[in-house]
Amino acid sequence: MGRKPGAERTYTLTVPAPADMGYDVNSVPEDSPMEIELRLEAIMEGVLATGTISARAVGECVRCLDPIDERVVVGFQELYLYEAPSDPEEAEEEEFVLEDDLLDLETVLRDAVVLALPHNPLCGPECPGLCPECGARLADDPDHTHGEAIDPRWATLSQLAEQPVPPADQTGSDITSDDSKE
């Protein structure tokens, strides 16, 4: 493109996804195809890269652990400077600089896609999840119950109620026999 402000080029690319593009529960698989529509515009300071990326994200629902496979479409825009700022105080935290008139989109694309992925992906907005007691999938059995919950403070008392009680005449005879020995 040279350094001619106003020059513009558009590209449609399909590239393999780099590694580590996502989170533990939701990510774009490595080497899966990513479609990129890219427009490069030369301006006074550098090249403005604008576009959209479309990729397939896979993961699992955080409530019911069902697999999720969905399409993610994200827009991005970044300025690549012709030269790095000479004054370090002028430089912002993360500025991108052209290297031999080449620009590297990987960091920009990774940031755009990872920020667009939900941290807690769901298979559906109404996903009831799993039973906290037995792990049964509640979407399969919406009427799933375990009976009335017992307050843990009374659990020991209920165990005492389940123990067999000796007959009353046995305990009385033991007491009388002890008295006769004296």
C-alpha atoms as a PDB file:
ATOM      1  CA  MET A   1       0.000   0.000   0.000  1.00  0.00           C
ATOM      2  CA  GLY A   2       2.906   2.305   0.548  1.00  0.00           C
ATOM      3  CA  ARG A   3       2.509   5.326   2.758  1.00  0.00           C
ATOM      4  CA  LYS A   4      -0.169   7.021   0.692  1.00  0.00           C
ATOM      5  CA  PRO A   5      -3.036   8.242   2.904  1.00  0.00           C
ATOM      6  CA  GLY A   6      -6.349   7.223   1.426  1.00  0.00           C
ATOM      7  CA  ALA A   7      -5.134   3.969  -0.113  1.00  0.00           C
ATOM      8  CA  GLU A   8      -7.394   1.051   0.726  1.00  0.00           C
ATOM      9  CA  ARG A   9      -7.414  -2.710   0.253  1.00  0.00           C
ATOM     10  CA  THR A  10      -9.913  -5.389   1.222  1.00  0.00           C
ATOM     11  CA  TYR A  11      -9.252  -9.061   1.821  1.00  0.00           C
ATOM     12  CA  THR A  12     -11.316 -12.156   2.548  1.00  0.00           C
ATOM     13  CA  LEU A  13      -9.151 -14.756   4.275  1.00  0.00           C
ATOM     14  CA  THR A  14      -9.558 -18.179   5.811  1.00  0.00           C
ATOM     15  CA  VAL A  15      -6.779 -18.959   8.283  1.00  0.00           C
ATOM     16  CA  PRO A  16      -6.239 -21.680  10.908  1.00  0.00           C
ATOM     17  CA  ALA A  17      -6.945 -20.653  14.484  1.00  0.00           C
ATOM     18  CA  PRO A  18      -3.899 -20.255  16.723  1.00  0.00           C
ATOM     19  CA  ALA A  19      -3.551 -22.164  20.003  1.00  0.00           C
ATOM     20  CA  ASP A  20      -5.068 -20.914  23.266  1.00  0.00           C
ATOM     21  CA  MET A  21      -7.879 -18.855  21.755  1.00  0.00           C
ATOM     22  CA  GLY A  22     -10.409 -18.986  24.581  1.00  0.00           C
ATOM     23  CA  TYR A  23     -11.046 -20.262  28.089  1.00  0.00           C
ATOM     24  CA  ASP A  24     -11.071 -23.695  29.700  1.00  0.00           C
ATOM     25  CA  VAL A  25     -14.815 -24.163  29.159  1.00  0.00           C
ATOM     26  CA  ASN A  26     -15.185 -22.334  25.821  1.00  0.00           C
ATOM     27  CA  SER A  27     -12.625 -21.823  23.057  1.00  0.00           C
ATOM     28  CA  VAL A  28     -11.904 -21.874  19.350  1.00  0.00           C
ATOM     29  CA  PRO A  29     -10.179 -25.205  18.565  1.00  0.00           C
ATOM     30  CA  GLU A  30      -6.605 -24.908  17.351  1.00  0.00           C
ATOM     31  CA  ASP A  31      -6.261 -25.093  13.539  1.00  0.00           C
ATOM     32  CA  SER A  32     -10.023 -24.758  12.979  1.00  0.00           C
ATOM     33  CA  PRO A  33     -10.849 -22.374  10.098  1.00  0.00           C
ATOM     34  CA  MET A  34     -11.457 -18.706  10.894  1.00  0.00           C
ATOM     35  CA  GLU A  35     -12.981 -16.489   8.209  1.00  0.00           C
ATOM     36  CA  ILE A  36     -11.719 -12.911   8.212  1.00  0.00           C
ATOM     37  CA  GLU A  37     -13.088  -9.986   6.237  1.00  0.00           C
ATOM     38  CA  LEU A  38     -10.406  -7.294   6.431  1.00  0.00           C
ATOM     39  CA  ARG A  39     -10.145  -3.722   5.209  1.00  0.00           C
ATOM     40  CA  LEU A  40      -6.799  -1.918   5.399  1.00  0.00           C
ATOM     41  CA  GLU A  41      -6.747   1.871   5.080  1.00  0.00           C
ATOM     42  CA  ALA A  42      -3.593   3.946   4.915  1.00  0.00           C
ATOM     43  CA  ILE A  43      -3.797   7.096   7.049  1.00  0.00           C
ATOM     44  CA  MET A  44      -1.169   9.668   8.107  1.00  0.00           C
ATOM     45  CA  GLU A  45       0.046   7.757  11.211  1.00  0.00           C
ATOM     46  CA  GLY A  46      -0.133   4.222   9.847  1.00  0.00           C
ATOM     47  CA  VAL A  47      -2.558   1.574   8.623  1.00  0.00           C
ATOM     48  CA  LEU A  48      -6.026   1.151  10.090  1.00  0.00           C
ATOM     49  CA  ALA A  49      -7.141  -2.491  10.078  1.00  0.00           C
ATOM     50  CA  THR A  50     -10.918  -2.976  10.342  1.00  0.00           C
ATOM     51  CA  GLY A  51     -12.878  -6.144   9.893  1.00  0.00           C
ATOM     52  CA  THR A  52     -14.904  -9.047  11.209  1.00  0.00           C
ATOM     53  CA  ILE A  53     -13.864 -12.528  12.201  1.00  0.00           C
ATOM     54  CA  SER A  54     -16.084 -15.584  12.200  1.00  0.00           C
ATOM     55  CA  ALA A  55     -15.010 -18.743  14.031  1.00  0.00           C
ATOM     56  CA  ARG A  56     -16.482 -21.887  15.579  1.00  0.00           C
ATOM     57  CA  ALA A  57     -16.320 -22.008  19.389  1.00  0.00           C
ATOM     58  CA  VAL A  58     -16.733 -25.275  21.264  1.00  0.00           C
ATOM     59  CA  GLY A  59     -17.109 -25.882  24.962  1.00  0.00           C
ATOM     60  CA  GLU A  60     -19.519 -27.143  27.570  1.00  0.00           C
ATOM     61  CA  CYS A  61     -22.475 -25.685  29.417  1.00  0.00           C
ATOM     62  CA  VAL A  62     -21.433 -24.655  32.922  1.00  0.00           C
ATOM     63  CA  ARG A  63     -24.783 -25.785  34.345  1.00  0.00           C
ATOM     64  CA  CYS A  64     -25.396 -29.190  32.745  1.00  0.00           C
ATOM     65  CA  LEU A  65     -22.029 -29.989  31.073  1.00  0.00           C
ATOM     66  CA  ASP A  66     -23.640 -30.590  27.661  1.00  0.00           C
ATOM     67  CA  PRO A  67     -21.377 -29.817  24.687  1.00  0.00           C
ATOM     68  CA  ILE A  68     -21.779 -26.436  23.003  1.00  0.00           C
ATOM     69  CA  ASP A  69     -20.795 -25.726  19.399  1.00  0.00           C
ATOM     70  CA  GLU A  70     -21.641 -22.217  18.222  1.00  0.00           C
ATOM     71  CA  ARG A  71     -20.480 -19.623  15.719  1.00  0.00           C
ATOM     72  CA  VAL A  72     -18.805 -16.457  17.029  1.00  0.00           C
ATOM     73  CA  VAL A  73     -18.756 -13.331  14.863  1.00  0.00           C
ATOM     74  CA  VAL A  74     -16.749 -10.373  16.165  1.00  0.00           C
ATOM     75  CA  GLY A  75     -15.745  -7.009  14.772  1.00  0.00           C
ATOM     76  CA  PHE A  76     -12.307  -5.469  15.347  1.00  0.00           C
ATOM     77  CA  GLN A  77     -10.412  -2.294  14.554  1.00  0.00           C
ATOM     78  CA  GLU A  78      -6.777  -1.484  15.266  1.00  0.00           C
ATOM     79  CA  LEU A  79      -4.254   1.123  14.164  1.00  0.00           C
ATOM     80  CA  TYR A  80      -0.791  -0.090  13.170  1.00  0.00           C
ATOM     81  CA  LEU A  81       1.718   2.782  13.346  1.00  0.00           C
ATOM     82  CA  TYR A  82       4.408   3.273  10.722  1.00  0.00           C
ATOM     83  CA  GLU A  83       6.952   4.044  13.438  1.00  0.00           C
ATOM     84  CA  ALA A  84       7.031   3.510  17.201  1.00  0.00           C
ATOM     85  CA  PRO A  85       6.669   6.735  19.240  1.00  0.00           C
ATOM     86  CA  SER A  86      10.081   8.169  20.113  1.00  0.00           C
ATOM     87  CA  ASP A  87       8.951   9.381  23.546  1.00  0.00           C
ATOM     88  CA  PRO A  88       8.039   6.428  25.846  1.00  0.00           C
ATOM     89  CA  GLU A  89       5.646   8.673  27.792  1.00  0.00           C
ATOM     90  CA  GLU A  90       3.655   9.300  24.594  1.00  0.00           C
ATOM     91  CA  ALA A  91       3.299   5.604  23.924  1.00  0.00           C
ATOM     92  CA  GLU A  92       0.104   3.970  25.071  1.00  0.00           C
ATOM     93  CA  GLU A  93       0.087   0.591  26.826  1.00  0.00           C
ATOM     94  CA  GLU A  94      -0.383  -1.472  23.694  1.00  0.00           C
ATOM     95  CA  GLU A  95       0.434   0.096  20.364  1.00  0.00           C
ATOM     96  CA  PHE A  96       1.007  -1.960  17.267  1.00  0.00           C
ATOM     97  CA  VAL A  97       3.793  -1.030  14.861  1.00  0.00           C
ATOM     98  CA  LEU A  98       4.245  -2.174  11.271  1.00  0.00           C
ATOM     99  CA  GLU A  99       7.345  -4.300  10.772  1.00  0.00           C
ATOM    100  CA  ASP A 100       8.758  -3.881   7.260  1.00  0.00           C
ATOM    101  CA  ASP A 101       5.295  -2.831   6.039  1.00  0.00           C
ATOM    102  CA  LEU A 102       3.804  -6.056   7.445  1.00  0.00           C
ATOM    103  CA  LEU A 103       1.216  -6.250  10.201  1.00  0.00           C
ATOM    104  CA  ASP A 104       0.529  -9.131  12.565  1.00  0.00           C
ATOM    105  CA  LEU A 105      -3.193  -9.587  13.248  1.00  0.00           C
ATOM    106  CA  GLU A 106      -2.901 -12.560  15.644  1.00  0.00           C
ATOM    107  CA  THR A 107      -2.918 -10.539  18.891  1.00  0.00           C
ATOM    108  CA  VAL A 108      -5.769  -8.311  17.716  1.00  0.00           C
ATOM    109  CA  LEU A 109      -7.868 -11.282  16.568  1.00  0.00           C
ATOM    110  CA  ARG A 110      -7.168 -13.247  19.759  1.00  0.00           C
ATOM    111  CA  ASP A 111      -8.209 -10.286  21.930  1.00  0.00           C
ATOM    112  CA  ALA A 112     -11.402  -9.730  19.941  1.00  0.00           C
ATOM    113  CA  VAL A 113     -12.473 -13.393  19.957  1.00  0.00           C
ATOM    114  CA  VAL A 114     -11.542 -14.190  23.562  1.00  0.00           C
ATOM    115  CA  LEU A 115     -13.364 -11.107  24.863  1.00  0.00           C
ATOM    116  CA  ALA A 116     -16.459 -12.063  22.836  1.00  0.00           C
ATOM    117  CA  LEU A 117     -16.630 -15.593  24.289  1.00  0.00           C
ATOM    118  CA  PRO A 118     -18.828 -15.931  27.391  1.00  0.00           C
ATOM    119  CA  HIS A 119     -16.978 -16.910  30.585  1.00  0.00           C
ATOM    120  CA  ASN A 120     -19.941 -19.058  31.648  1.00  0.00           C
ATOM    121  CA  PRO A 121     -21.407 -20.538  28.458  1.00  0.00           C
ATOM    122  CA  LEU A 122     -24.905 -22.003  28.609  1.00  0.00           C
ATOM    123  CA  CYS A 123     -26.582 -24.485  26.268  1.00  0.00           C
ATOM    124  CA  GLY A 124     -29.733 -22.351  26.593  1.00  0.00           C
ATOM    125  CA  PRO A 125     -30.917 -19.439  28.738  1.00  0.00           C
ATOM    126  CA  GLU A 126     -33.359 -21.683  30.613  1.00  0.00           C
ATOM    127  CA  CYS A 127     -30.903 -24.520  31.345  1.00  0.00           C
ATOM    128  CA  PRO A 128     -31.813 -25.876  34.812  1.00  0.00           C
ATOM    129  CA  GLY A 129     -28.438 -27.599  35.276  1.00  0.00           C
ATOM    130  CA  LEU A 130     -27.734 -30.705  37.343  1.00  0.00           C
ATOM    131  CA  CYS A 131     -29.226 -31.943  40.634  1.00  0.00           C
ATOM    132  CA  PRO A 132     -26.849 -30.862  43.415  1.00  0.00           C
ATOM    133  CA  GLU A 133     -27.458 -34.097  45.334  1.00  0.00           C
ATOM    134  CA  CYS A 134     -27.183 -36.828  42.699  1.00  0.00           C
ATOM    135  CA  GLY A 135     -26.000 -35.105  39.502  1.00  0.00           C
ATOM    136  CA  ALA A 136     -29.077 -35.980  37.413  1.00  0.00           C
ATOM    137  CA  ARG A 137     -29.701 -33.680  34.441  1.00  0.00           C
ATOM    138  CA  LEU A 138     -32.744 -31.607  35.424  1.00  0.00           C
ATOM    139  CA  ALA A 139     -33.712 -30.832  31.802  1.00  0.00           C
ATOM    140  CA  ASP A 140     -34.388 -34.566  31.279  1.00  0.00           C
ATOM    141  CA  ASP A 141     -36.491 -34.883  34.463  1.00  0.00           C
ATOM    142  CA  PRO A 142     -37.954 -31.504  35.506  1.00  0.00           C
ATOM    143  CA  ASP A 143     -39.940 -33.085  38.384  1.00  0.00           C
ATOM    144  CA  HIS A 144     -36.807 -34.656  39.900  1.00  0.00           C
ATOM    145  CA  THR A 145     -36.856 -34.565  43.727  1.00  0.00           C
ATOM    146  CA  HIS A 146     -35.251 -36.347  46.651  1.00  0.00           C
ATOM    147  CA  GLY A 147     -38.044 -35.804  49.161  1.00  0.00           C
ATOM    148  CA  GLU A 148     -38.085 -33.295  51.928  1.00  0.00           C
ATOM    149  CA  ALA A 149     -34.632 -32.141  52.991  1.00  0.00           C
ATOM    150  CA  ILE A 150     -33.665 -32.778  56.607  1.00  0.00           C
ATOM    151  CA  ASP A 151     -32.013 -29.981  58.514  1.00  0.00           C
ATOM    152  CA  PRO A 152     -28.434 -31.181  59.165  1.00  0.00           C
ATOM    153  CA  ARG A 153     -28.692 -30.031  62.776  1.00  0.00           C
ATOM    154  CA  TRP A 154     -31.405 -32.660  63.376  1.00  0.00           C
ATOM    155  CA  ALA A 155     -29.797 -35.469  61.321  1.00  0.00           C
ATOM    156  CA  THR A 156     -28.209 -37.146  64.390  1.00  0.00           C
ATOM    157  CA  LEU A 157     -31.503 -37.066  66.229  1.00  0.00           C
ATOM    158  CA  SER A 158     -33.239 -38.838  63.341  1.00  0.00           C
ATOM    159  CA  GLN A 159     -30.576 -41.560  63.496  1.00  0.00           C
ATOM    160  CA  LEU A 160     -31.407 -42.096  67.173  1.00  0.00           C
ATOM    161  CA  ALA A 161     -35.077 -42.469  66.293  1.00  0.00           C
ATOM    162  CA  GLU A 162     -34.183 -45.265  63.856  1.00  0.00           C
ATOM    163  CA  GLN A 163     -32.352 -47.353  66.502  1.00  0.00           C
ATOM    164  CA  PRO A 164     -34.350 -50.232  68.072  1.00  0.00           C
ATOM    165  CA  VAL A 165     -35.574 -49.620  71.607  1.00  0.00           C
ATOM    166  CA  PRO A 166     -35.268 -52.583  74.060  1.00  0.00           C
ATOM    167  CA  PRO A 167     -38.615 -53.815  75.484  1.00  0.00           C
ATOM    168  CA  ALA A 168     -39.679 -52.163  78.738  1.00  0.00           C
ATOM    169  CA  ASP A 169     -39.962 -55.448  80.732  1.00  0.00           C
ATOM    170  CA  GLN A 170     -36.289 -56.313  80.021  1.00  0.00           C
ATOM    171  CA  THR A 171     -34.952 -53.133  81.450  1.00  0.00           C
ATOM    172  CA  GLY A 172     -37.217 -53.414  84.508  1.00  0.00           C
ATOM    173  CA  SER A 173     -36.152 -57.016  85.258  1.00  0.00           C
ATOM    174  CA  ASP A 174     -32.500 -56.015  85.124  1.00  0.00           C
ATOM    175  CA  ILE A 175     -33.133 -53.350  87.703  1.00  0.00           C
ATOM    176  CA  THR A 176     -35.021 -55.694  90.079  1.00  0.00           C
ATOM    177  CA  SER A 177     -32.407 -58.375  89.819  1.00  0.00           C
ATOM    178  CA  ASP A 178     -29.739 -55.878  90.741  1.00  0.00           C
ATOM    179  CA  ASP A 179     -31.777 -54.860  93.848  1.00  0.00           C
ATOM    180  CA  SER A 180     -32.172 -58.461  95.006  1.00  0.00           C
ATOM    181  CA  LYS A 181     -28.428 -59.028  95.016  1.00  0.00           C
ATOM    182  CA  GLU A 182     -27.854 -56.372  97.573  1.00  0.00           C
END
